Amino acid sequence: MVSIISSLLPSVIANTYSLSRSTSGTSFFDDFVFQTFADPTHGTVNYVNQSTAMNEGLAYVSQDGQFVMSADSTRVVQPGQRGRDSIRIASKDSYLDSVMVLDLTHMPTGCATWPAWWTVTRGAWPAGGEIDIIEGVNTRSYNIGSLHTSAGCYEDSGGQAMTGTPGNTNCDAHVNYNSGCNVAFSKANNYGQPFNNAGGGWYAMRRSNQYGIMMWFWSRQDASVPDDVRDGSFTINPDAWGEPEAVFSPSGCDISSHFDAHEIVFDLTFCGDFAGVDYAACGCPGNCTDFVKNNPSAFEEAYWAINSLKTYV
């Protein structure tokens, strides 16, 4: 599907947003770039370029139109290689106040995996901020939404109800081993194998200088999925979506001073600063790095399958 770009006219109704870009199928190859630098989170991974990904069958469009990104699941990692072949892509566009809706049917799962869907500054991190919408590791079955910033930003719901459970409240990337401020999602089937078994679902994130940062999740068969989300409508109204899973209110963090224009990133790394630390606690066998290098078939479920990514402004 060819990307759709709206005229970017102001929304007629307060707090509604209009479609700016819709990415699905082959348009992921047009709207994103494949990043190949060494993993900054120290994972046992080798991010490959677009041509390699396509030639190795790690990035393709399925017969039903889904964009698929996967890790290699056929080769033992050879000595001297950085790690297991995988994908990291970043959007060509960048965004300030916006709403993003991801329709996803499958996410990477399994021991050593660390998938993430996030937005991040193109400037000097963490001064320009980072927003993690999907993140988890190994065999966990719950998603974590988080912010990573410079000093002076804290998680605070501002009195607004949310369904998730707050964790660390200090978003400063230089404290708490860069765990950021975070909220664990609580709705059923929100991450990992349970998410995949349920047919996937929708994640959404609103970023607003006025209202803060909010994140929602709906499983595929959830009767409460808003019509504008399910239908991929041209205009959406997040105020009608019900309680978010996570709320980061301006009362705890001034959005405009901690977040600049962000690119959108999908990646799948292995072990590293999060999955490696949590590896044994998740009941995974042996040494994380050795497991990644020597067990290719263990990564047959390590793939993204995306119906669409829609961005509204």
C-alpha atoms as a PDB file:
ATOM      1  CA  MET A   1       0.000   0.000   0.000  1.00  0.00           C
ATOM      2  CA  VAL A   2       1.268   3.454  -0.896  1.00  0.00           C
ATOM      3  CA  SER A   3       1.715   5.798   2.047  1.00  0.00           C
ATOM      4  CA  ILE A   4      -1.107   8.293   2.554  1.00  0.00           C
ATOM      5  CA  ILE A   5      -0.185  11.845   3.491  1.00  0.00           C
ATOM      6  CA  SER A   6      -2.928  14.169   4.638  1.00  0.00           C
ATOM      7  CA  SER A   7      -3.126  17.853   3.843  1.00  0.00           C
ATOM      8  CA  LEU A   8      -2.138  18.428   7.477  1.00  0.00           C
ATOM      9  CA  LEU A   9      -4.994  20.888   7.998  1.00  0.00           C
ATOM     10  CA  PRO A  10      -5.820  21.660  11.659  1.00  0.00           C
ATOM     11  CA  SER A  11      -8.402  19.373  13.213  1.00  0.00           C
ATOM     12  CA  VAL A  12     -11.894  20.844  13.186  1.00  0.00           C
ATOM     13  CA  ILE A  13     -12.921  19.400  16.540  1.00  0.00           C
ATOM     14  CA  ALA A  14     -10.813  19.991  19.621  1.00  0.00           C
ATOM     15  CA  ASN A  15      -8.641  17.036  20.608  1.00  0.00           C
ATOM     16  CA  THR A  16      -9.268  15.123  17.384  1.00  0.00           C
ATOM     17  CA  TYR A  17      -6.375  14.230  15.108  1.00  0.00           C
ATOM     18  CA  SER A  18      -6.165  13.752  11.350  1.00  0.00           C
ATOM     19  CA  LEU A  19      -4.206  11.076   9.512  1.00  0.00           C
ATOM     20  CA  SER A  20      -0.739  12.240   8.502  1.00  0.00           C
ATOM     21  CA  ARG A  21       0.800   8.976   7.317  1.00  0.00           C
ATOM     22  CA  SER A  22      -0.364   5.396   6.952  1.00  0.00           C
ATOM     23  CA  THR A  23       2.354   2.791   6.498  1.00  0.00           C
ATOM     24  CA  SER A  24       1.631  -0.819   5.600  1.00  0.00           C
ATOM     25  CA  GLY A  25       2.992  -3.563   3.384  1.00  0.00           C
ATOM     26  CA  THR A  26       5.709  -2.463   0.979  1.00  0.00           C
ATOM     27  CA  SER A  27       5.491   1.191   2.090  1.00  0.00           C
ATOM     28  CA  PHE A  28       7.554   0.250   5.155  1.00  0.00           C
ATOM     29  CA  PHE A  29      10.484  -0.029   2.736  1.00  0.00           C
ATOM     30  CA  ASP A  30       9.773   3.540   1.570  1.00  0.00           C
ATOM     31  CA  ASP A  31       8.965   5.191   4.900  1.00  0.00           C
ATOM     32  CA  PHE A  32      11.740   3.646   7.040  1.00  0.00           C
ATOM     33  CA  VAL A  33      15.503   3.196   6.816  1.00  0.00           C
ATOM     34  CA  PHE A  34      17.373   0.091   7.964  1.00  0.00           C
ATOM     35  CA  GLN A  35      19.970   0.938  10.607  1.00  0.00           C
ATOM     36  CA  THR A  36      23.122  -1.177  10.809  1.00  0.00           C
ATOM     37  CA  PHE A  37      25.267   0.361  13.552  1.00  0.00           C
ATOM     38  CA  ALA A  38      26.426  -1.608  16.595  1.00  0.00           C
ATOM     39  CA  ASP A  39      23.650  -2.050  19.151  1.00  0.00           C
ATOM     40  CA  PRO A  40      23.951   0.750  21.750  1.00  0.00           C
ATOM     41  CA  THR A  41      22.308  -1.566  24.338  1.00  0.00           C
ATOM     42  CA  HIS A  42      25.125  -4.129  23.923  1.00  0.00           C
ATOM     43  CA  GLY A  43      23.003  -6.912  22.476  1.00  0.00           C
ATOM     44  CA  THR A  44      24.281 -10.043  20.750  1.00  0.00           C
ATOM     45  CA  VAL A  45      22.874  -8.826  17.448  1.00  0.00           C
ATOM     46  CA  ASN A  46      23.918  -7.931  13.931  1.00  0.00           C
ATOM     47  CA  TYR A  47      21.554  -5.374  12.437  1.00  0.00           C
ATOM     48  CA  VAL A  48      21.513  -5.866   8.648  1.00  0.00           C
ATOM     49  CA  ASN A  49      20.780  -3.477   5.786  1.00  0.00           C
ATOM     50  CA  GLN A  50      17.654  -3.594   3.640  1.00  0.00           C
ATOM     51  CA  SER A  51      19.106  -5.605   0.768  1.00  0.00           C
ATOM     52  CA  THR A  52      20.534  -8.227   3.129  1.00  0.00           C
ATOM     53  CA  ALA A  53      17.271  -8.385   5.046  1.00  0.00           C
ATOM     54  CA  MET A  54      15.293  -8.953   1.862  1.00  0.00           C
ATOM     55  CA  ASN A  55      17.750 -11.467   0.434  1.00  0.00           C
ATOM     56  CA  GLU A  56      17.820 -13.472   3.684  1.00  0.00           C
ATOM     57  CA  GLY A  57      14.034 -13.359   4.066  1.00  0.00           C
ATOM     58  CA  LEU A  58      14.240 -11.268   7.234  1.00  0.00           C
ATOM     59  CA  ALA A  59      12.069  -8.438   5.877  1.00  0.00           C
ATOM     60  CA  TYR A  60       9.209  -9.031   3.460  1.00  0.00           C
ATOM     61  CA  VAL A  61       5.510  -8.571   2.831  1.00  0.00           C
ATOM     62  CA  SER A  62       3.420 -11.683   3.448  1.00  0.00           C
ATOM     63  CA  GLN A  63       0.704 -12.935   1.104  1.00  0.00           C
ATOM     64  CA  ASP A  64      -1.948 -11.256   3.244  1.00  0.00           C
ATOM     65  CA  GLY A  65      -0.131  -7.917   3.136  1.00  0.00           C
ATOM     66  CA  GLN A  66       1.560  -7.867   6.531  1.00  0.00           C
ATOM     67  CA  PHE A  67       5.005  -6.355   6.844  1.00  0.00           C
ATOM     68  CA  VAL A  68       7.241  -8.937   8.530  1.00  0.00           C
ATOM     69  CA  MET A  69      10.596  -8.321  10.233  1.00  0.00           C
ATOM     70  CA  SER A  70      12.388 -11.279  11.771  1.00  0.00           C
ATOM     71  CA  ALA A  71      15.623 -12.530  13.238  1.00  0.00           C
ATOM     72  CA  ASP A  72      17.613 -15.214  11.474  1.00  0.00           C
ATOM     73  CA  SER A  73      16.481 -18.642  12.680  1.00  0.00           C
ATOM     74  CA  THR A  74      18.588 -20.934  10.472  1.00  0.00           C
ATOM     75  CA  ARG A  75      22.266 -20.174  11.105  1.00  0.00           C
ATOM     76  CA  VAL A  76      24.697 -20.619  13.985  1.00  0.00           C
ATOM     77  CA  VAL A  77      26.523 -17.340  14.618  1.00  0.00           C
ATOM     78  CA  GLN A  78      30.117 -17.701  13.487  1.00  0.00           C
ATOM     79  CA  PRO A  79      33.168 -16.518  15.477  1.00  0.00           C
ATOM     80  CA  GLY A  80      33.920 -12.858  14.848  1.00  0.00           C
ATOM     81  CA  GLN A  81      30.346 -11.935  13.964  1.00  0.00           C
ATOM     82  CA  ARG A  82      28.577  -9.289  16.050  1.00  0.00           C
ATOM     83  CA  GLY A  83      25.623 -11.535  16.785  1.00  0.00           C
ATOM     84  CA  ARG A  84      22.445 -12.981  15.291  1.00  0.00           C
ATOM     85  CA  ASP A  85      21.144 -11.192  12.204  1.00  0.00           C
ATOM     86  CA  SER A  86      18.128  -9.032  12.974  1.00  0.00           C
ATOM     87  CA  ILE A  87      16.340  -5.811  12.027  1.00  0.00           C
ATOM     88  CA  ARG A  88      16.299  -2.240  13.299  1.00  0.00           C
ATOM     89  CA  ILE A  89      14.379   0.359  11.276  1.00  0.00           C
ATOM     90  CA  ALA A  90      13.751   4.074  11.849  1.00  0.00           C
ATOM     91  CA  SER A  91      11.213   6.381  10.208  1.00  0.00           C
ATOM     92  CA  LYS A  92      12.299   9.007   7.707  1.00  0.00           C
ATOM     93  CA  ASP A  93       9.776  11.414   9.213  1.00  0.00           C
ATOM     94  CA  SER A  94       9.900  12.821  12.731  1.00  0.00           C
ATOM     95  CA  TYR A  95       7.033  14.008  14.929  1.00  0.00           C
ATOM     96  CA  LEU A  96       6.174  16.344  17.796  1.00  0.00           C
ATOM     97  CA  ASP A  97       2.568  16.356  19.113  1.00  0.00           C
ATOM     98  CA  SER A  98       0.916  13.351  17.495  1.00  0.00           C
ATOM     99  CA  VAL A  99      -0.949  10.078  17.961  1.00  0.00           C
ATOM    100  CA  MET A 100       0.408   6.756  16.695  1.00  0.00           C
ATOM    101  CA  VAL A 101      -1.676   3.608  16.284  1.00  0.00           C
ATOM    102  CA  LEU A 102      -0.005   0.262  15.587  1.00  0.00           C
ATOM    103  CA  ASP A 103      -2.088  -2.695  14.352  1.00  0.00           C
ATOM    104  CA  LEU A 104       0.086  -5.719  15.116  1.00  0.00           C
ATOM    105  CA  THR A 105      -0.623  -9.453  14.799  1.00  0.00           C
ATOM    106  CA  HIS A 106       2.643 -10.941  16.071  1.00  0.00           C
ATOM    107  CA  MET A 107       5.593  -9.732  18.136  1.00  0.00           C
ATOM    108  CA  PRO A 108       8.963 -11.415  18.772  1.00  0.00           C
ATOM    109  CA  THR A 109       8.961 -13.799  21.728  1.00  0.00           C
ATOM    110  CA  GLY A 110      11.237 -16.282  23.444  1.00  0.00           C
ATOM    111  CA  CYS A 111      14.336 -16.507  25.591  1.00  0.00           C
ATOM    112  CA  ALA A 112      16.962 -13.796  24.898  1.00  0.00           C
ATOM    113  CA  THR A 113      14.589 -11.632  22.818  1.00  0.00           C
ATOM    114  CA  TRP A 114      14.208  -7.912  23.468  1.00  0.00           C
ATOM    115  CA  PRO A 115      11.794  -6.326  20.983  1.00  0.00           C
ATOM    116  CA  ALA A 116      10.737  -2.687  21.145  1.00  0.00           C
ATOM    117  CA  TRP A 117       8.564  -0.141  19.358  1.00  0.00           C
ATOM    118  CA  TRP A 118       9.600   3.339  20.421  1.00  0.00           C
ATOM    119  CA  THR A 119      10.234   6.944  19.460  1.00  0.00           C
ATOM    120  CA  VAL A 120      13.468   8.806  20.088  1.00  0.00           C
ATOM    121  CA  THR A 121      15.281  12.072  19.505  1.00  0.00           C
ATOM    122  CA  ARG A 122      17.623  12.475  16.565  1.00  0.00           C
ATOM    123  CA  GLY A 123      19.672  14.829  18.700  1.00  0.00           C
ATOM    124  CA  ALA A 124      21.721  14.383  21.841  1.00  0.00           C
ATOM    125  CA  TRP A 125      20.058  11.571  23.804  1.00  0.00           C
ATOM    126  CA  PRO A 126      18.677  11.665  26.440  1.00  0.00           C
ATOM    127  CA  ALA A 127      18.138  15.448  26.260  1.00  0.00           C
ATOM    128  CA  GLY A 128      15.589  15.057  23.443  1.00  0.00           C
ATOM    129  CA  GLY A 129      13.853  12.138  25.115  1.00  0.00           C
ATOM    130  CA  GLU A 130      12.745   8.594  24.358  1.00  0.00           C
ATOM    131  CA  ILE A 131       9.254   7.047  24.540  1.00  0.00           C
ATOM    132  CA  ASP A 132       9.019   3.238  24.706  1.00  0.00           C
ATOM    133  CA  ILE A 133       5.543   2.026  23.770  1.00  0.00           C
ATOM    134  CA  ILE A 134       6.223  -1.712  23.381  1.00  0.00           C
ATOM    135  CA  GLU A 135       9.071  -3.265  25.337  1.00  0.00           C
ATOM    136  CA  GLY A 136       9.632  -6.568  27.080  1.00  0.00           C
ATOM    137  CA  VAL A 137      12.149  -9.367  27.302  1.00  0.00           C
ATOM    138  CA  ASN A 138      12.544 -13.138  27.233  1.00  0.00           C
ATOM    139  CA  THR A 139       9.403 -15.026  28.246  1.00  0.00           C
ATOM    140  CA  ARG A 140       7.652 -12.145  30.015  1.00  0.00           C
ATOM    141  CA  SER A 141       3.945 -11.711  29.324  1.00  0.00           C
ATOM    142  CA  TYR A 142       3.483  -8.031  30.193  1.00  0.00           C
ATOM    143  CA  ASN A 143       4.420  -4.879  28.340  1.00  0.00           C
ATOM    144  CA  ILE A 144       6.272  -1.918  29.845  1.00  0.00           C
ATOM    145  CA  GLY A 145       5.679   1.653  28.698  1.00  0.00           C
ATOM    146  CA  SER A 146       8.433   4.036  29.703  1.00  0.00           C
ATOM    147  CA  LEU A 147      10.123   7.400  29.233  1.00  0.00           C
ATOM    148  CA  HIS A 148      13.866   8.108  29.249  1.00  0.00           C
ATOM    149  CA  THR A 149      14.836  11.763  29.621  1.00  0.00           C
ATOM    150  CA  SER A 150      17.251  14.282  31.045  1.00  0.00           C
ATOM    151  CA  ALA A 151      16.862  15.241  34.710  1.00  0.00           C
ATOM    152  CA  GLY A 152      13.654  16.776  36.006  1.00  0.00           C
ATOM    153  CA  CYS A 153      10.996  14.531  34.470  1.00  0.00           C
ATOM    154  CA  TYR A 154       8.839  12.199  36.606  1.00  0.00           C
ATOM    155  CA  GLU A 155       5.939   9.805  36.076  1.00  0.00           C
ATOM    156  CA  ASP A 156       2.767  11.351  37.478  1.00  0.00           C
ATOM    157  CA  SER A 157      -0.739  10.524  36.289  1.00  0.00           C
ATOM    158  CA  GLY A 158      -1.929  13.983  37.269  1.00  0.00           C
ATOM    159  CA  GLY A 159      -4.951  12.408  38.912  1.00  0.00           C
ATOM    160  CA  GLN A 160      -6.074  10.685  35.708  1.00  0.00           C
ATOM    161  CA  ALA A 161      -7.084   7.036  36.029  1.00  0.00           C
ATOM    162  CA  MET A 162      -5.009   4.414  34.228  1.00  0.00           C
ATOM    163  CA  THR A 163      -5.170   0.625  34.091  1.00  0.00           C
ATOM    164  CA  GLY A 164      -1.427  -0.014  34.291  1.00  0.00           C
ATOM    165  CA  THR A 165       0.771  -0.248  37.394  1.00  0.00           C
ATOM    166  CA  PRO A 166       3.439   2.446  37.912  1.00  0.00           C
ATOM    167  CA  GLY A 167       7.003   1.343  38.592  1.00  0.00           C
ATOM    168  CA  ASN A 168       9.982   3.685  38.764  1.00  0.00           C
ATOM    169  CA  THR A 169       8.883   7.322  38.736  1.00  0.00           C
ATOM    170  CA  ASN A 170      12.161   9.093  37.874  1.00  0.00           C
ATOM    171  CA  CYS A 171      12.528   9.313  34.090  1.00  0.00           C
ATOM    172  CA  ASP A 172      16.164  10.499  34.236  1.00  0.00           C
ATOM    173  CA  ALA A 173      18.239   8.128  32.073  1.00  0.00           C
ATOM    174  CA  HIS A 174      21.271   8.727  34.277  1.00  0.00           C
ATOM    175  CA  VAL A 175      19.750   7.112  37.384  1.00  0.00           C
ATOM    176  CA  ASN A 176      18.398   3.637  38.180  1.00  0.00           C
ATOM    177  CA  TYR A 177      20.557   2.068  35.444  1.00  0.00           C
ATOM    178  CA  ASN A 178      18.554   3.848  32.732  1.00  0.00           C
ATOM    179  CA  SER A 179      15.333   2.048  33.608  1.00  0.00           C
ATOM    180  CA  GLY A 180      13.451   5.303  33.095  1.00  0.00           C
ATOM    181  CA  CYS A 181      10.007   5.961  34.531  1.00  0.00           C
ATOM    182  CA  ASN A 182       7.680   3.153  33.603  1.00  0.00           C
ATOM    183  CA  VAL A 183       4.241   1.600  33.818  1.00  0.00           C
ATOM    184  CA  ALA A 184       3.509  -2.131  33.503  1.00  0.00           C
ATOM    185  CA  PHE A 185       0.453  -2.797  31.351  1.00  0.00           C
ATOM    186  CA  SER A 186      -2.265  -4.878  33.000  1.00  0.00           C
ATOM    187  CA  LYS A 187      -4.912  -5.706  30.389  1.00  0.00           C
ATOM    188  CA  ALA A 188      -5.062  -9.332  29.225  1.00  0.00           C
ATOM    189  CA  ASN A 189      -2.808 -10.512  26.380  1.00  0.00           C
ATOM    190  CA  ASN A 190      -0.820  -7.267  26.223  1.00  0.00           C
ATOM    191  CA  TYR A 191       2.595  -8.801  25.455  1.00  0.00           C
ATOM    192  CA  GLY A 192       4.527 -11.871  24.371  1.00  0.00           C
ATOM    193  CA  GLN A 193       3.097 -15.283  23.627  1.00  0.00           C
ATOM    194  CA  PRO A 194      -0.355 -14.479  25.077  1.00  0.00           C
ATOM    195  CA  PHE A 195      -0.529 -11.473  22.723  1.00  0.00           C
ATOM    196  CA  ASN A 196       0.326 -13.648  19.728  1.00  0.00           C
ATOM    197  CA  ASN A 197      -2.060 -16.434  20.753  1.00  0.00           C
ATOM    198  CA  ALA A 198      -4.900 -13.902  20.903  1.00  0.00           C
ATOM    199  CA  GLY A 199      -4.254 -12.713  17.338  1.00  0.00           C
ATOM    200  CA  GLY A 200      -2.425  -9.559  18.358  1.00  0.00           C
ATOM    201  CA  GLY A 201      -4.090  -6.207  18.818  1.00  0.00           C
ATOM    202  CA  TRP A 202      -3.610  -2.451  18.786  1.00  0.00           C
ATOM    203  CA  TYR A 203      -1.215  -0.176  20.675  1.00  0.00           C
ATOM    204  CA  ALA A 204      -1.612   3.585  20.639  1.00  0.00           C
ATOM    205  CA  MET A 205       0.385   6.493  22.011  1.00  0.00           C
ATOM    206  CA  ARG A 206      -0.596  10.156  22.258  1.00  0.00           C
ATOM    207  CA  ARG A 207       2.093  12.751  22.796  1.00  0.00           C
ATOM    208  CA  SER A 208       0.873  16.233  23.660  1.00  0.00           C
ATOM    209  CA  ASN A 209       2.570  19.190  25.297  1.00  0.00           C
ATOM    210  CA  GLN A 210      -0.784  20.031  26.878  1.00  0.00           C
ATOM    211  CA  TYR A 211      -2.008  16.598  27.953  1.00  0.00           C
ATOM    212  CA  GLY A 212       1.221  14.648  28.370  1.00  0.00           C
ATOM    213  CA  ILE A 213       2.005  11.165  27.064  1.00  0.00           C
ATOM    214  CA  MET A 214      -0.584   8.376  27.184  1.00  0.00           C
ATOM    215  CA  MET A 215      -0.524   4.781  25.985  1.00  0.00           C
ATOM    216  CA  TRP A 216      -3.395   2.391  25.243  1.00  0.00           C
ATOM    217  CA  PHE A 217      -3.728  -1.300  24.375  1.00  0.00           C
ATOM    218  CA  TRP A 218      -6.597  -3.414  23.058  1.00  0.00           C
ATOM    219  CA  SER A 219      -6.380  -7.135  22.338  1.00  0.00           C
ATOM    220  CA  ARG A 220      -7.754  -8.318  18.974  1.00  0.00           C
ATOM    221  CA  GLN A 221     -11.066  -9.592  20.375  1.00  0.00           C
ATOM    222  CA  ASP A 222     -11.512  -6.857  22.981  1.00  0.00           C
ATOM    223  CA  ALA A 223     -15.088  -5.558  22.683  1.00  0.00           C
ATOM    224  CA  SER A 224     -13.961  -2.127  23.869  1.00  0.00           C
ATOM    225  CA  VAL A 225     -11.708  -1.383  20.868  1.00  0.00           C
ATOM    226  CA  PRO A 226     -12.768   2.100  19.668  1.00  0.00           C
ATOM    227  CA  ASP A 227     -14.274   2.138  16.191  1.00  0.00           C
ATOM    228  CA  ASP A 228     -11.795   4.740  14.927  1.00  0.00           C
ATOM    229  CA  VAL A 229      -8.907   2.505  16.042  1.00  0.00           C
ATOM    230  CA  ARG A 230     -10.343  -0.734  14.662  1.00  0.00           C
ATOM    231  CA  ASP A 231     -11.321   0.889  11.365  1.00  0.00           C
ATOM    232  CA  GLY A 232      -8.167   2.959  10.920  1.00  0.00           C
ATOM    233  CA  SER A 233     -10.281   6.090  10.500  1.00  0.00           C
ATOM    234  CA  PHE A 234      -9.019   9.294   8.880  1.00  0.00           C
ATOM    235  CA  THR A 235      -9.814  11.213  12.085  1.00  0.00           C
ATOM    236  CA  ILE A 236      -9.520   9.895  15.642  1.00  0.00           C
ATOM    237  CA  ASN A 237     -10.511  11.111  19.093  1.00  0.00           C
ATOM    238  CA  PRO A 238      -8.307   9.686  21.871  1.00  0.00           C
ATOM    239  CA  ASP A 239     -10.442  11.409  24.501  1.00  0.00           C
ATOM    240  CA  ALA A 240     -13.131   8.811  23.737  1.00  0.00           C
ATOM    241  CA  TRP A 241     -10.852   5.791  24.118  1.00  0.00           C
ATOM    242  CA  GLY A 242     -11.322   5.150  27.818  1.00  0.00           C
ATOM    243  CA  GLU A 243      -8.648   4.728  30.470  1.00  0.00           C
ATOM    244  CA  PRO A 244      -5.102   4.490  29.118  1.00  0.00           C
ATOM    245  CA  GLU A 245      -2.734   1.800  30.314  1.00  0.00           C
ATOM    246  CA  ALA A 246      -0.130   4.473  31.057  1.00  0.00           C
ATOM    247  CA  VAL A 247      -0.268   8.208  31.770  1.00  0.00           C
ATOM    248  CA  PHE A 248       2.729  10.543  32.020  1.00  0.00           C
ATOM    249  CA  SER A 249       1.163  13.878  32.907  1.00  0.00           C
ATOM    250  CA  PRO A 250       2.667  17.358  32.362  1.00  0.00           C
ATOM    251  CA  SER A 251       2.266  17.806  36.118  1.00  0.00           C
ATOM    252  CA  GLY A 252       5.318  15.566  36.520  1.00  0.00           C
ATOM    253  CA  CYS A 253       7.185  16.301  33.308  1.00  0.00           C
ATOM    254  CA  ASP A 254       7.224  19.324  31.032  1.00  0.00           C
ATOM    255  CA  ILE A 255       6.898  17.631  27.646  1.00  0.00           C
ATOM    256  CA  SER A 256       8.091  20.497  25.452  1.00  0.00           C
ATOM    257  CA  SER A 257      11.403  20.873  27.316  1.00  0.00           C
ATOM    258  CA  HIS A 258      12.201  17.148  27.582  1.00  0.00           C
ATOM    259  CA  PHE A 259      11.085  15.887  24.159  1.00  0.00           C
ATOM    260  CA  ASP A 260      11.981  17.213  20.723  1.00  0.00           C
ATOM    261  CA  ALA A 261      10.964  15.828  17.311  1.00  0.00           C
ATOM    262  CA  HIS A 262      11.145  12.024  17.377  1.00  0.00           C
ATOM    263  CA  GLU A 263      11.707   9.341  14.793  1.00  0.00           C
ATOM    264  CA  ILE A 264       9.844   6.022  15.132  1.00  0.00           C
ATOM    265  CA  VAL A 265      11.911   2.874  15.710  1.00  0.00           C
ATOM    266  CA  PHE A 266      11.241  -0.865  15.606  1.00  0.00           C
ATOM    267  CA  ASP A 267      14.006  -3.209  16.652  1.00  0.00           C
ATOM    268  CA  LEU A 268      14.748  -6.705  17.882  1.00  0.00           C
ATOM    269  CA  THR A 269      17.941  -7.265  19.823  1.00  0.00           C
ATOM    270  CA  PHE A 270      19.094 -10.131  22.059  1.00  0.00           C
ATOM    271  CA  CYS A 271      20.514 -10.297  25.583  1.00  0.00           C
ATOM    272  CA  GLY A 272      22.161  -6.933  26.240  1.00  0.00           C
ATOM    273  CA  ASP A 273      21.400  -4.519  29.059  1.00  0.00           C
ATOM    274  CA  PHE A 274      17.840  -5.737  29.682  1.00  0.00           C
ATOM    275  CA  ALA A 275      17.170  -9.230  28.305  1.00  0.00           C
ATOM    276  CA  GLY A 276      20.630 -10.405  29.356  1.00  0.00           C
ATOM    277  CA  VAL A 277      20.209  -9.176  32.920  1.00  0.00           C
ATOM    278  CA  ASP A 278      16.739 -10.716  33.195  1.00  0.00           C
ATOM    279  CA  TYR A 279      17.595 -13.931  31.339  1.00  0.00           C
ATOM    280  CA  ALA A 280      18.011 -16.381  34.214  1.00  0.00           C
ATOM    281  CA  ALA A 281      15.110 -14.906  36.199  1.00  0.00           C
ATOM    282  CA  CYS A 282      12.824 -15.752  33.279  1.00  0.00           C
ATOM    283  CA  GLY A 283      13.819 -19.424  33.490  1.00  0.00           C
ATOM    284  CA  CYS A 284      15.920 -19.375  30.325  1.00  0.00           C
ATOM    285  CA  PRO A 285      18.707 -21.967  29.948  1.00  0.00           C
ATOM    286  CA  GLY A 286      22.456 -21.535  30.276  1.00  0.00           C
ATOM    287  CA  ASN A 287      24.249 -18.384  29.141  1.00  0.00           C
ATOM    288  CA  CYS A 288      22.276 -15.818  27.150  1.00  0.00           C
ATOM    289  CA  THR A 289      24.974 -15.016  24.594  1.00  0.00           C
ATOM    290  CA  ASP A 290      25.788 -18.686  23.989  1.00  0.00           C
ATOM    291  CA  PHE A 291      22.088 -19.438  23.589  1.00  0.00           C
ATOM    292  CA  VAL A 292      21.690 -16.737  20.932  1.00  0.00           C
ATOM    293  CA  LYS A 293      24.736 -17.819  18.967  1.00  0.00           C
ATOM    294  CA  ASN A 294      24.142 -21.570  18.947  1.00  0.00           C
ATOM    295  CA  ASN A 295      20.367 -22.157  18.835  1.00  0.00           C
ATOM    296  CA  PRO A 296      18.932 -20.680  15.628  1.00  0.00           C
ATOM    297  CA  SER A 297      15.699 -22.683  15.778  1.00  0.00           C
ATOM    298  CA  ALA A 298      14.900 -21.062  19.138  1.00  0.00           C
ATOM    299  CA  PHE A 299      14.189 -17.850  17.224  1.00  0.00           C
ATOM    300  CA  GLU A 300      11.470 -19.065  14.892  1.00  0.00           C
ATOM    301  CA  GLU A 301       8.954 -16.952  16.849  1.00  0.00           C
ATOM    302  CA  ALA A 302      11.223 -13.902  16.900  1.00  0.00           C
ATOM    303  CA  TYR A 303       9.414 -11.774  14.338  1.00  0.00           C
ATOM    304  CA  TRP A 304       7.136  -8.765  13.940  1.00  0.00           C
ATOM    305  CA  ALA A 305       4.023  -9.006  11.724  1.00  0.00           C
ATOM    306  CA  ILE A 306       2.446  -5.576  11.236  1.00  0.00           C
ATOM    307  CA  ASN A 307      -0.856  -4.769   9.591  1.00  0.00           C
ATOM    308  CA  SER A 308      -0.340  -1.016   9.697  1.00  0.00           C
ATOM    309  CA  LEU A 309       1.180   1.952  11.491  1.00  0.00           C
ATOM    310  CA  LYS A 310      -0.902   5.123  11.357  1.00  0.00           C
ATOM    311  CA  THR A 311       0.318   8.506  12.548  1.00  0.00           C
ATOM    312  CA  TYR A 312      -2.072  11.358  13.246  1.00  0.00           C
ATOM    313  CA  VAL A 313      -1.371  15.048  13.895  1.00  0.00           C
END
